[in-house]
Each structure stands twice: as structure tokens, then as C-alpha cells.
Amino acid sequence: MVHQTAKQLHLLLCPTYGHLHWAVYEQQEARKAFRRSLRVQQHRSEPLRDYVGRFNREKLLKRGHLLDLLTDKGKKTVANRDNHVEEPTEPIPERVINVITGGSEINGISYSAARRHARVSVNPETCSSQPPASDYTDQVISFVDNEATSLINPHHDALVISLLVANCKIKRILVDNGSSTNVLFLNALKEMKIDESNIHRYATVLVGFSGEQKFTVGDIALPVYASGINLNVNFAVLDNPSAYNMILGRPWIHKMRTVPSTFHQVVRFPTKWGTKEIKGEQSISRECYHNTLGAKPATL
């Protein structure tokens, strides 16, 4: 009905060549509809004839034909396209929750275990194990020196991010490659509405860089979501005042194959959807630093 009314209006305005103009218009619209139905993007300078031929080749390749005529690179491209998995969308959090060493999952938590771990470094070939080759993505993670121009410069800010943990958006997370354990502070756990009965009551000692010690409440495993990767992470639960809600140390950094940069204020890591990044929150990092300096001295 709308199409017929538009045609009558056009013929009324252009009585001499109206039929010719409308015929050309309909032909152009038919071509556009045909191209949309093919669902293959046409190159701007590509003739329609070549475009239809390319579409037919796409259909044959999807059905498994013509693969013998492709180069090795072409076969790899088709295989990667067929194995393509859409990146999952980030879950909606239920709520937002606005340098420590010790307790490493690999090094051990006792002095004797730490000594055994140190002896392995003398002859690492005897105890080394390589991850499966399928786990590697051959992705290059790089940084450009002028990336930091959008930050508040000069700066010496720590890398503080926000992540989804147990379906709660946790802010004030310190990414610290100087920490050999992941730490979750008890106050943050309570704000997450997670019952303390889920804590594995096995106290370990955390040792600060100057030798001060603090016993943990226990440990707990929680899912941490980052750009499509949902990783089950072990945390040492610490009942101690802190400007941060959580510290992600080397266990999380290495398991995610993350490359953090405090200078660029970003965390980058490989995924099957390509290299992803989590930007640091510089203003919150400075706020945490200010709160730490203003806090009362406490024994770790």
C-alpha cells in the first residue's frame, strides 16, 4: 500500500518521465534486496557478476567443497572460521562491592616447602612440565610507548581494576605481581553476601616484605570473570583493614597469562577471541593510595 502510494505521488510530480524514473528506482531497490539476501559483504568497486560468483564459492566452501584447491593458509583460514566461537556476553552482577607474600599454591606454605621449591630452580629441567600445545594461541601482546598519553602524567600509580567475582562486581582490586598469593579481605567477602561457612578454615601465614606476619582466616575458591574467561581462583581470606577489596597476585596473573603494565594502566591477556584488555582505574588507585597513607599503622 505504501509502495503504491509513493509510486502514484512520483508519477504525479513527474508526468513526462515518471514511469522511466520509477522503473530505474525499482531496479535499484531489487538489486539492494538481492545483495542483502546473499549475506556476503560486497566490495565497493566489485561488479555484481563477480560478487555473485564469490557468493557461490562461499556456499561451496561452507559445504566442504573446493578445499583441495586452497593453499595451506586458505585451508587454515576456513578451519578457523568454522571453529569460530562467539565471545560470551558479560554477566549482570547481582551487587557492586565498592605487597604481600606467602601461601603460594606452587611454592607451598611452609618453610620446608619453600626450600624444596628453591632447590628445584637449581635444576629446573628435571621438574618442568609444558602445557599442551593446544593451549597456546601464538598471539603477540604488545604495548606502545605513547599509549599512556591519555593518563594523568607523570604517575607512579598502582594498577587497580574492577572484575566480576562470584557474580558481584568488585572494585578496588589491586593487580600485584609482587604478591605470591591472591588475597580477599573479609569485609569484602561479607559485602558479597557469601556465608563465612564457605571458607576453608585452614590458617596460613602471610609475610610482608619487611618480615611482619599475619595469619589468614582460611581460603576460599571463587569464580573470577574477565572478558569471556571464567576462572576458578583460590583466595587467602584476610581479616585486616585495607584500602583494597582484593589483591590478584602471581597465581591469577600466570594462570590467565596476563601481562600487566602499571605504566600503561592496563592488563592484557590472550583469549580465543583475540587479545583482550582491562583498563586500570587511575583515579580509584590514587584514592586507595591516599586512604592507605591516612590509615592507622597496623601490623601485618
C-alpha atoms as a PDB file:
ATOM      1  CA  MET A   1       0.000   0.000   0.000  1.00  0.00           C
ATOM      2  CA  VAL A   2       2.773   2.433   0.954  1.00  0.00           C
ATOM      3  CA  HIS A   3       4.770   1.396  -2.124  1.00  0.00           C
ATOM      4  CA  GLN A   4       1.750   2.033  -4.436  1.00  0.00           C
ATOM      5  CA  THR A   5       1.062   5.455  -2.863  1.00  0.00           C
ATOM      6  CA  ALA A   6       4.694   6.504  -3.327  1.00  0.00           C
ATOM      7  CA  LYS A   7       4.539   5.457  -6.977  1.00  0.00           C
ATOM      8  CA  GLN A   8       1.377   7.488  -7.620  1.00  0.00           C
ATOM      9  CA  LEU A   9       2.924  10.551  -5.980  1.00  0.00           C
ATOM     10  CA  HIS A  10       6.074  10.188  -8.108  1.00  0.00           C
ATOM     11  CA  LEU A  11       4.031   9.910 -11.349  1.00  0.00           C
ATOM     12  CA  LEU A  12       2.019  12.987 -10.359  1.00  0.00           C
ATOM     13  CA  LEU A  13       5.183  15.059  -9.822  1.00  0.00           C
ATOM     14  CA  CYS A  14       6.979  13.738 -12.929  1.00  0.00           C
ATOM     15  CA  PRO A  15       4.267  13.091 -15.579  1.00  0.00           C
ATOM     16  CA  THR A  16       6.674  13.011 -18.552  1.00  0.00           C
ATOM     17  CA  TYR A  17       9.429  10.620 -17.459  1.00  0.00           C
ATOM     18  CA  GLY A  18       7.809   9.340 -14.267  1.00  0.00           C
ATOM     19  CA  HIS A  19       7.408   5.745 -15.461  1.00  0.00           C
ATOM     20  CA  LEU A  20      11.035   5.573 -16.595  1.00  0.00           C
ATOM     21  CA  HIS A  21      12.344   7.039 -13.334  1.00  0.00           C
ATOM     22  CA  TRP A  22      10.226   4.651 -11.271  1.00  0.00           C
ATOM     23  CA  ALA A  23      11.403   1.631 -13.275  1.00  0.00           C
ATOM     24  CA  VAL A  24      15.043   2.570 -12.614  1.00  0.00           C
ATOM     25  CA  TYR A  25      14.270   3.074  -8.912  1.00  0.00           C
ATOM     26  CA  GLU A  26      12.595  -0.322  -8.628  1.00  0.00           C
ATOM     27  CA  GLN A  27      15.557  -1.989 -10.363  1.00  0.00           C
ATOM     28  CA  GLN A  28      17.987  -0.393  -7.902  1.00  0.00           C
ATOM     29  CA  GLU A  29      15.865  -1.453  -4.922  1.00  0.00           C
ATOM     30  CA  ALA A  30      15.657  -5.013  -6.265  1.00  0.00           C
ATOM     31  CA  ARG A  31      19.463  -5.164  -6.533  1.00  0.00           C
ATOM     32  CA  LYS A  32      19.845  -3.916  -2.955  1.00  0.00           C
ATOM     33  CA  ALA A  33      17.392  -6.524  -1.679  1.00  0.00           C
ATOM     34  CA  PHE A  34      19.218  -9.240  -3.623  1.00  0.00           C
ATOM     35  CA  ARG A  35      22.560  -8.226  -2.129  1.00  0.00           C
ATOM     36  CA  ARG A  36      21.101  -8.219   1.371  1.00  0.00           C
ATOM     37  CA  SER A  37      19.706 -11.704   0.829  1.00  0.00           C
ATOM     38  CA  LEU A  38      23.168 -13.023  -0.106  1.00  0.00           C
ATOM     39  CA  ARG A  39      24.514 -12.014   3.327  1.00  0.00           C
ATOM     40  CA  VAL A  40      28.001 -11.623   1.922  1.00  0.00           C
ATOM     41  CA  GLN A  41      29.585  -8.182   2.044  1.00  0.00           C
ATOM     42  CA  GLN A  42      30.176  -6.753  -1.440  1.00  0.00           C
ATOM     43  CA  HIS A  43      33.352  -4.790  -2.040  1.00  0.00           C
ATOM     44  CA  ARG A  44      32.675  -1.199  -3.036  1.00  0.00           C
ATOM     45  CA  SER A  45      34.266  -1.463  -6.514  1.00  0.00           C
ATOM     46  CA  GLU A  46      33.262  -5.083  -7.144  1.00  0.00           C
ATOM     47  CA  PRO A  47      30.931  -5.755 -10.138  1.00  0.00           C
ATOM     48  CA  LEU A  48      27.699  -7.574  -9.351  1.00  0.00           C
ATOM     49  CA  ARG A  49      28.701 -10.515 -11.575  1.00  0.00           C
ATOM     50  CA  ASP A  50      31.934 -11.115  -9.657  1.00  0.00           C
ATOM     51  CA  TYR A  51      30.038 -10.607  -6.422  1.00  0.00           C
ATOM     52  CA  VAL A  52      27.534 -13.390  -7.220  1.00  0.00           C
ATOM     53  CA  GLY A  53      30.395 -15.708  -8.241  1.00  0.00           C
ATOM     54  CA  ARG A  54      32.170 -15.090  -4.955  1.00  0.00           C
ATOM     55  CA  PHE A  55      28.961 -15.802  -3.081  1.00  0.00           C
ATOM     56  CA  ASN A  56      28.619 -19.171  -4.841  1.00  0.00           C
ATOM     57  CA  ARG A  57      32.213 -20.039  -3.888  1.00  0.00           C
ATOM     58  CA  GLU A  58      31.434 -19.125  -0.257  1.00  0.00           C
ATOM     59  CA  LYS A  59      28.475 -21.529  -0.299  1.00  0.00           C
ATOM     60  CA  LEU A  60      30.589 -24.347  -1.763  1.00  0.00           C
ATOM     61  CA  LEU A  61      33.355 -23.818   0.796  1.00  0.00           C
ATOM     62  CA  LYS A  62      30.839 -23.924   3.646  1.00  0.00           C
ATOM     63  CA  ARG A  63      29.629 -27.279   2.326  1.00  0.00           C
ATOM     64  CA  GLY A  64      33.187 -28.651   2.312  1.00  0.00           C
ATOM     65  CA  HIS A  65      33.849 -28.415  -1.454  1.00  0.00           C
ATOM     66  CA  LEU A  66      36.832 -26.794  -3.225  1.00  0.00           C
ATOM     67  CA  LEU A  67      39.092 -27.287  -0.181  1.00  0.00           C
ATOM     68  CA  ASP A  68      41.657 -29.203  -2.277  1.00  0.00           C
ATOM     69  CA  LEU A  69      42.159 -26.081  -4.410  1.00  0.00           C
ATOM     70  CA  LEU A  70      43.062 -23.862  -1.444  1.00  0.00           C
ATOM     71  CA  THR A  71      46.560 -23.087  -0.208  1.00  0.00           C
ATOM     72  CA  ASP A  72      47.606 -24.121   3.303  1.00  0.00           C
ATOM     73  CA  LYS A  73      46.911 -20.587   4.505  1.00  0.00           C
ATOM     74  CA  GLY A  74      43.454 -20.651   2.916  1.00  0.00           C
ATOM     75  CA  LYS A  75      42.637 -24.024   4.490  1.00  0.00           C
ATOM     76  CA  LYS A  76      43.696 -22.676   7.896  1.00  0.00           C
ATOM     77  CA  THR A  77      41.523 -19.578   7.427  1.00  0.00           C
ATOM     78  CA  VAL A  78      38.465 -21.694   6.562  1.00  0.00           C
ATOM     79  CA  ALA A  79      39.115 -24.014   9.527  1.00  0.00           C
ATOM     80  CA  ASN A  80      39.425 -21.104  11.949  1.00  0.00           C
ATOM     81  CA  ARG A  81      36.218 -19.588  10.615  1.00  0.00           C
ATOM     82  CA  ASP A  82      34.334 -22.866  11.033  1.00  0.00           C
ATOM     83  CA  ASN A  83      35.637 -23.244  14.604  1.00  0.00           C
ATOM     84  CA  HIS A  84      34.775 -19.658  15.496  1.00  0.00           C
ATOM     85  CA  VAL A  85      33.001 -19.353  18.849  1.00  0.00           C
ATOM     86  CA  GLU A  86      31.173 -16.193  19.764  1.00  0.00           C
ATOM     87  CA  GLU A  87      32.537 -14.389  22.808  1.00  0.00           C
ATOM     88  CA  PRO A  88      30.035 -14.700  25.687  1.00  0.00           C
ATOM     89  CA  THR A  89      28.432 -11.548  26.982  1.00  0.00           C
ATOM     90  CA  GLU A  90      29.439 -10.305  30.409  1.00  0.00           C
ATOM     91  CA  PRO A  91      27.030 -11.463  33.144  1.00  0.00           C
ATOM     92  CA  ILE A  92      24.991  -8.864  35.009  1.00  0.00           C
ATOM     93  CA  PRO A  93      26.325  -8.541  38.578  1.00  0.00           C
ATOM     94  CA  GLU A  94      23.970  -9.028  41.478  1.00  0.00           C
ATOM     95  CA  ARG A  95      25.717  -6.323  43.514  1.00  0.00           C
ATOM     96  CA  VAL A  96      28.710  -3.956  43.349  1.00  0.00           C
ATOM     97  CA  ILE A  97      31.396  -4.047  46.032  1.00  0.00           C
ATOM     98  CA  ASN A  98      32.865  -0.819  46.179  1.00  0.00           C
ATOM     99  CA  VAL A  99      52.914  -6.200  48.768  1.00  0.00           C
ATOM    100  CA  ILE A 100      52.010  -9.438  50.469  1.00  0.00           C
ATOM    101  CA  THR A 101      53.847 -12.765  50.080  1.00  0.00           C
ATOM    102  CA  GLY A 102      53.280 -16.256  51.347  1.00  0.00           C
ATOM    103  CA  GLY A 103      50.763 -19.033  50.835  1.00  0.00           C
ATOM    104  CA  SER A 104      51.679 -19.714  47.206  1.00  0.00           C
ATOM    105  CA  GLU A 105      49.795 -22.605  45.583  1.00  0.00           C
ATOM    106  CA  ILE A 106      53.027 -23.781  43.933  1.00  0.00           C
ATOM    107  CA  ASN A 107      55.784 -22.729  46.340  1.00  0.00           C
ATOM    108  CA  GLY A 108      53.996 -24.134  49.378  1.00  0.00           C
ATOM    109  CA  ILE A 109      53.083 -22.502  52.667  1.00  0.00           C
ATOM    110  CA  SER A 110      55.778 -23.852  54.972  1.00  0.00           C
ATOM    111  CA  TYR A 111      59.459 -23.040  55.292  1.00  0.00           C
ATOM    112  CA  SER A 112      60.492 -26.576  54.267  1.00  0.00           C
ATOM    113  CA  ALA A 113      58.210 -26.453  51.204  1.00  0.00           C
ATOM    114  CA  ALA A 114      59.714 -23.115  50.196  1.00  0.00           C
ATOM    115  CA  ARG A 115      63.230 -24.617  50.489  1.00  0.00           C
ATOM    116  CA  ARG A 116      62.244 -27.541  48.253  1.00  0.00           C
ATOM    117  CA  HIS A 117      60.851 -25.100  45.707  1.00  0.00           C
ATOM    118  CA  ALA A 118      64.102 -23.101  45.805  1.00  0.00           C
ATOM    119  CA  ARG A 119      66.158 -26.265  45.144  1.00  0.00           C
ATOM    120  CA  VAL A 120      64.101 -27.000  42.015  1.00  0.00           C
ATOM    121  CA  SER A 121      65.307 -23.728  40.464  1.00  0.00           C
ATOM    122  CA  VAL A 122      68.879 -25.101  40.503  1.00  0.00           C
ATOM    123  CA  ASN A 123      67.923 -27.871  38.059  1.00  0.00           C
ATOM    124  CA  PRO A 124      64.546 -26.877  36.555  1.00  0.00           C
ATOM    125  CA  GLU A 125      64.751 -29.375  33.656  1.00  0.00           C
ATOM    126  CA  THR A 126      64.021 -32.296  35.990  1.00  0.00           C
ATOM    127  CA  CYS A 127      60.695 -30.910  37.186  1.00  0.00           C
ATOM    128  CA  SER A 128      59.498 -28.714  34.322  1.00  0.00           C
ATOM    129  CA  SER A 129      56.268 -29.504  32.530  1.00  0.00           C
ATOM    130  CA  GLN A 130      54.987 -27.810  29.396  1.00  0.00           C
ATOM    131  CA  PRO A 131      51.298 -27.001  28.919  1.00  0.00           C
ATOM    132  CA  PRO A 132      49.571 -28.676  25.953  1.00  0.00           C
ATOM    133  CA  ALA A 133      50.376 -27.097  22.592  1.00  0.00           C
ATOM    134  CA  SER A 134      46.651 -26.544  22.023  1.00  0.00           C
ATOM    135  CA  ASP A 135      46.651 -24.053  24.919  1.00  0.00           C
ATOM    136  CA  TYR A 136      48.947 -21.687  23.022  1.00  0.00           C
ATOM    137  CA  THR A 137      47.403 -19.097  20.704  1.00  0.00           C
ATOM    138  CA  ASP A 138      50.609 -17.590  19.198  1.00  0.00           C
ATOM    139  CA  GLN A 139      49.244 -14.140  19.973  1.00  0.00           C
ATOM    140  CA  VAL A 140      51.569 -11.187  20.394  1.00  0.00           C
ATOM    141  CA  ILE A 141      50.822  -8.956  23.375  1.00  0.00           C
ATOM    142  CA  SER A 142      52.424  -5.561  22.901  1.00  0.00           C
ATOM    143  CA  PHE A 143      52.368  -2.031  24.260  1.00  0.00           C
ATOM    144  CA  VAL A 144      53.080   1.274  22.522  1.00  0.00           C
ATOM    145  CA  ASP A 145      55.011   3.943  24.403  1.00  0.00           C
ATOM    146  CA  ASN A 146      52.530   6.716  23.580  1.00  0.00           C
ATOM    147  CA  GLU A 147      49.505   4.757  24.852  1.00  0.00           C
ATOM    148  CA  ALA A 148      49.886   6.366  28.262  1.00  0.00           C
ATOM    149  CA  THR A 149      49.339   9.900  26.917  1.00  0.00           C
ATOM    150  CA  SER A 150      45.642   9.740  27.864  1.00  0.00           C
ATOM    151  CA  LEU A 151      46.535   9.158  31.538  1.00  0.00           C
ATOM    152  CA  ILE A 152      47.317  11.630  34.312  1.00  0.00           C
ATOM    153  CA  ASN A 153      51.066  12.029  33.843  1.00  0.00           C
ATOM    154  CA  PRO A 154      53.589  11.771  35.277  1.00  0.00           C
ATOM    155  CA  HIS A 155      52.394   8.980  37.563  1.00  0.00           C
ATOM    156  CA  HIS A 156      53.579   6.093  39.744  1.00  0.00           C
ATOM    157  CA  ASP A 157      50.079   4.710  40.311  1.00  0.00           C
ATOM    158  CA  ALA A 158      49.374   1.082  41.173  1.00  0.00           C
ATOM    159  CA  LEU A 159      47.223  -0.966  38.791  1.00  0.00           C
ATOM    160  CA  VAL A 160      43.695  -1.095  40.233  1.00  0.00           C
ATOM    161  CA  ILE A 161      40.833  -2.692  38.271  1.00  0.00           C
ATOM    162  CA  SER A 162      37.235  -3.930  38.657  1.00  0.00           C
ATOM    163  CA  LEU A 163      36.115  -7.500  37.908  1.00  0.00           C
ATOM    164  CA  LEU A 164      33.132  -9.797  38.304  1.00  0.00           C
ATOM    165  CA  VAL A 165      33.772 -12.205  41.180  1.00  0.00           C
ATOM    166  CA  ALA A 166      31.053 -14.686  42.176  1.00  0.00           C
ATOM    167  CA  ASN A 167      28.577 -12.592  40.170  1.00  0.00           C
ATOM    168  CA  CYS A 168      29.453  -9.439  42.134  1.00  0.00           C
ATOM    169  CA  LYS A 169      31.263  -6.506  40.569  1.00  0.00           C
ATOM    170  CA  ILE A 170      34.279  -5.986  42.818  1.00  0.00           C
ATOM    171  CA  LYS A 171      36.018  -2.633  42.643  1.00  0.00           C
ATOM    172  CA  ARG A 172      39.387  -1.669  44.138  1.00  0.00           C
ATOM    173  CA  ILE A 173      41.209  -4.818  43.029  1.00  0.00           C
ATOM    174  CA  LEU A 174      44.977  -4.416  43.170  1.00  0.00           C
ATOM    175  CA  VAL A 175      46.879  -6.333  40.475  1.00  0.00           C
ATOM    176  CA  ASP A 176      50.209  -7.034  42.180  1.00  0.00           C
ATOM    177  CA  ASN A 177      52.866  -9.208  40.537  1.00  0.00           C
ATOM    178  CA  GLY A 178      54.856  -8.829  43.753  1.00  0.00           C
ATOM    179  CA  SER A 179      52.316 -10.956  45.622  1.00  0.00           C
ATOM    180  CA  SER A 180      52.680 -14.742  45.554  1.00  0.00           C
ATOM    181  CA  THR A 181      49.048 -15.281  46.600  1.00  0.00           C
ATOM    182  CA  ASN A 182      45.580 -13.959  45.846  1.00  0.00           C
ATOM    183  CA  VAL A 183      44.041 -12.169  48.816  1.00  0.00           C
ATOM    184  CA  LEU A 184      40.384 -11.443  49.575  1.00  0.00           C
ATOM    185  CA  PHE A 185      39.687  -9.257  52.577  1.00  0.00           C
ATOM    186  CA  LEU A 186      36.998 -10.488  54.952  1.00  0.00           C
ATOM    187  CA  ASN A 187      34.981  -7.237  54.855  1.00  0.00           C
ATOM    188  CA  ALA A 188      34.630  -7.564  51.064  1.00  0.00           C
ATOM    189  CA  LEU A 189      33.504 -11.190  51.458  1.00  0.00           C
ATOM    190  CA  LYS A 190      30.786 -10.094  53.867  1.00  0.00           C
ATOM    191  CA  GLU A 191      29.627  -7.371  51.447  1.00  0.00           C
ATOM    192  CA  MET A 192      29.339 -10.056  48.742  1.00  0.00           C
ATOM    193  CA  LYS A 193      26.783 -11.826  50.994  1.00  0.00           C
ATOM    194  CA  ILE A 194      28.813 -15.033  50.913  1.00  0.00           C
ATOM    195  CA  ASP A 195      28.440 -17.045  54.082  1.00  0.00           C
ATOM    196  CA  GLU A 196      31.656 -17.458  56.063  1.00  0.00           C
ATOM    197  CA  SER A 197      30.913 -21.170  56.354  1.00  0.00           C
ATOM    198  CA  ASN A 198      32.207 -21.453  52.771  1.00  0.00           C
ATOM    199  CA  ILE A 199      35.697 -20.546  53.985  1.00  0.00           C
ATOM    200  CA  HIS A 200      38.040 -23.499  54.332  1.00  0.00           C
ATOM    201  CA  ARG A 201      39.326 -22.875  57.839  1.00  0.00           C
ATOM    202  CA  TYR A 202      42.980 -23.586  57.317  1.00  0.00           C
ATOM    203  CA  ALA A 203      45.062 -20.700  58.596  1.00  0.00           C
ATOM    204  CA  THR A 204      48.305 -19.873  56.818  1.00  0.00           C
ATOM    205  CA  VAL A 205      50.799 -17.128  57.471  1.00  0.00           C
ATOM    206  CA  LEU A 206      51.383 -14.198  55.109  1.00  0.00           C
ATOM    207  CA  VAL A 207      54.747 -12.496  55.332  1.00  0.00           C
ATOM    208  CA  GLY A 208      55.290  -8.870  54.330  1.00  0.00           C
ATOM    209  CA  PHE A 209      58.425  -7.588  52.609  1.00  0.00           C
ATOM    210  CA  SER A 210      59.873  -6.422  55.952  1.00  0.00           C
ATOM    211  CA  GLY A 211      59.151  -9.738  57.698  1.00  0.00           C
ATOM    212  CA  GLU A 212      55.910  -8.882  59.508  1.00  0.00           C
ATOM    213  CA  GLN A 213      53.427 -11.754  59.715  1.00  0.00           C
ATOM    214  CA  LYS A 214      49.655 -12.153  59.650  1.00  0.00           C
ATOM    215  CA  PHE A 215      47.591 -15.341  59.844  1.00  0.00           C
ATOM    216  CA  THR A 216      44.745 -15.779  57.380  1.00  0.00           C
ATOM    217  CA  VAL A 217      41.210 -16.808  58.325  1.00  0.00           C
ATOM    218  CA  GLY A 218      41.364 -19.579  55.726  1.00  0.00           C
ATOM    219  CA  ASP A 219      40.942 -19.879  51.982  1.00  0.00           C
ATOM    220  CA  ILE A 220      38.033 -19.861  49.553  1.00  0.00           C
ATOM    221  CA  ALA A 221      37.597 -20.624  45.841  1.00  0.00           C
ATOM    222  CA  LEU A 222      35.510 -18.140  43.823  1.00  0.00           C
ATOM    223  CA  PRO A 223      34.853 -17.722  40.080  1.00  0.00           C
ATOM    224  CA  VAL A 224      36.507 -14.661  38.533  1.00  0.00           C
ATOM    225  CA  TYR A 225      35.156 -13.478  35.157  1.00  0.00           C
ATOM    226  CA  ALA A 226      37.321 -11.479  32.735  1.00  0.00           C
ATOM    227  CA  SER A 227      36.385 -10.868  29.069  1.00  0.00           C
ATOM    228  CA  GLY A 228      34.795 -14.248  28.412  1.00  0.00           C
ATOM    229  CA  ILE A 229      37.120 -16.264  30.670  1.00  0.00           C
ATOM    230  CA  ASN A 230      35.563 -17.636  33.858  1.00  0.00           C
ATOM    231  CA  LEU A 231      38.364 -18.877  36.093  1.00  0.00           C
ATOM    232  CA  ASN A 232      38.024 -20.559  39.485  1.00  0.00           C
ATOM    233  CA  VAL A 233      40.511 -18.758  41.732  1.00  0.00           C
ATOM    234  CA  ASN A 234      41.728 -19.627  45.250  1.00  0.00           C
ATOM    235  CA  PHE A 235      41.913 -16.705  47.678  1.00  0.00           C
ATOM    236  CA  ALA A 236      43.504 -16.394  51.082  1.00  0.00           C
ATOM    237  CA  VAL A 237      40.903 -14.652  53.278  1.00  0.00           C
ATOM    238  CA  LEU A 238      42.480 -11.980  55.447  1.00  0.00           C
ATOM    239  CA  ASP A 239      40.735 -10.177  58.309  1.00  0.00           C
ATOM    240  CA  ASN A 240      42.630  -6.929  58.141  1.00  0.00           C
ATOM    241  CA  PRO A 241      41.735  -3.289  57.308  1.00  0.00           C
ATOM    242  CA  SER A 242      42.680  -2.405  53.737  1.00  0.00           C
ATOM    243  CA  ALA A 243      42.020   0.249  51.120  1.00  0.00           C
ATOM    244  CA  TYR A 244      41.562  -2.607  48.627  1.00  0.00           C
ATOM    245  CA  ASN A 245      38.871  -5.270  48.467  1.00  0.00           C
ATOM    246  CA  MET A 246      41.094  -7.841  46.803  1.00  0.00           C
ATOM    247  CA  ILE A 247      44.654  -8.478  45.623  1.00  0.00           C
ATOM    248  CA  LEU A 248      45.276 -10.524  42.496  1.00  0.00           C
ATOM    249  CA  GLY A 249      48.813 -11.857  42.664  1.00  0.00           C
ATOM    250  CA  ARG A 250      51.011 -14.075  40.509  1.00  0.00           C
ATOM    251  CA  PRO A 251      48.747 -17.176  40.730  1.00  0.00           C
ATOM    252  CA  TRP A 252      45.979 -15.339  38.850  1.00  0.00           C
ATOM    253  CA  ILE A 253      48.378 -13.412  36.609  1.00  0.00           C
ATOM    254  CA  HIS A 254      50.174 -16.568  35.462  1.00  0.00           C
ATOM    255  CA  LYS A 255      47.060 -18.716  35.108  1.00  0.00           C
ATOM    256  CA  MET A 256      45.469 -16.054  32.878  1.00  0.00           C
ATOM    257  CA  ARG A 257      48.816 -15.449  31.088  1.00  0.00           C
ATOM    258  CA  THR A 258      48.217 -11.825  31.839  1.00  0.00           C
ATOM    259  CA  VAL A 259      50.697  -9.049  31.096  1.00  0.00           C
ATOM    260  CA  PRO A 260      50.004  -6.140  33.472  1.00  0.00           C
ATOM    261  CA  SER A 261      51.539  -2.717  32.880  1.00  0.00           C
ATOM    262  CA  THR A 262      51.362  -0.127  35.637  1.00  0.00           C
ATOM    263  CA  PHE A 263      52.831   2.482  33.279  1.00  0.00           C
ATOM    264  CA  HIS A 264      50.085   1.970  30.676  1.00  0.00           C
ATOM    265  CA  GLN A 265      47.477   1.251  33.392  1.00  0.00           C
ATOM    266  CA  VAL A 266      46.169  -1.805  31.577  1.00  0.00           C
ATOM    267  CA  VAL A 267      46.072  -5.602  31.822  1.00  0.00           C
ATOM    268  CA  ARG A 268      46.279  -7.586  28.569  1.00  0.00           C
ATOM    269  CA  PHE A 269      45.850 -11.329  28.069  1.00  0.00           C
ATOM    270  CA  PRO A 270      45.268 -13.798  25.215  1.00  0.00           C
ATOM    271  CA  THR A 271      41.882 -15.428  24.593  1.00  0.00           C
ATOM    272  CA  LYS A 272      40.410 -17.485  21.750  1.00  0.00           C
ATOM    273  CA  TRP A 273      38.679 -14.280  20.677  1.00  0.00           C
ATOM    274  CA  GLY A 274      41.967 -12.404  20.416  1.00  0.00           C
ATOM    275  CA  THR A 275      43.915 -10.266  22.858  1.00  0.00           C
ATOM    276  CA  LYS A 276      41.674  -8.651  25.471  1.00  0.00           C
ATOM    277  CA  GLU A 277      42.427  -5.888  27.949  1.00  0.00           C
ATOM    278  CA  ILE A 278      41.143  -4.484  31.219  1.00  0.00           C
ATOM    279  CA  LYS A 279      41.923  -0.833  31.808  1.00  0.00           C
ATOM    280  CA  GLY A 280      43.088   0.389  35.190  1.00  0.00           C
ATOM    281  CA  GLU A 281      41.129   2.941  37.176  1.00  0.00           C
ATOM    282  CA  GLN A 282      43.718   5.601  37.884  1.00  0.00           C
ATOM    283  CA  SER A 283      41.544   7.888  39.995  1.00  0.00           C
ATOM    284  CA  ILE A 284      40.483   4.995  42.263  1.00  0.00           C
ATOM    285  CA  SER A 285      44.124   3.891  42.505  1.00  0.00           C
ATOM    286  CA  ARG A 286      45.082   7.326  43.821  1.00  0.00           C
ATOM    287  CA  GLU A 287      42.161   7.297  46.230  1.00  0.00           C
ATOM    288  CA  CYS A 288      43.313   3.906  47.614  1.00  0.00           C
ATOM    289  CA  TYR A 289      46.853   5.240  47.988  1.00  0.00           C
ATOM    290  CA  HIS A 290      45.553   8.281  49.871  1.00  0.00           C
ATOM    291  CA  ASN A 291      43.421   6.081  52.160  1.00  0.00           C
ATOM    292  CA  THR A 292      46.383   3.793  52.862  1.00  0.00           C
ATOM    293  CA  LEU A 293      48.584   6.705  53.904  1.00  0.00           C
ATOM    294  CA  GLY A 294      45.809   8.085  56.125  1.00  0.00           C
ATOM    295  CA  ALA A 295      45.113   4.784  57.857  1.00  0.00           C
ATOM    296  CA  LYS A 296      46.461   3.934  61.270  1.00  0.00           C
ATOM    297  CA  PRO A 297      49.605   1.788  61.262  1.00  0.00           C
ATOM    298  CA  ALA A 298      48.704  -1.883  61.544  1.00  0.00           C
ATOM    299  CA  THR A 299      50.834  -4.942  61.997  1.00  0.00           C
ATOM    300  CA  LEU A 300      50.572  -7.235  59.011  1.00  0.00           C
END
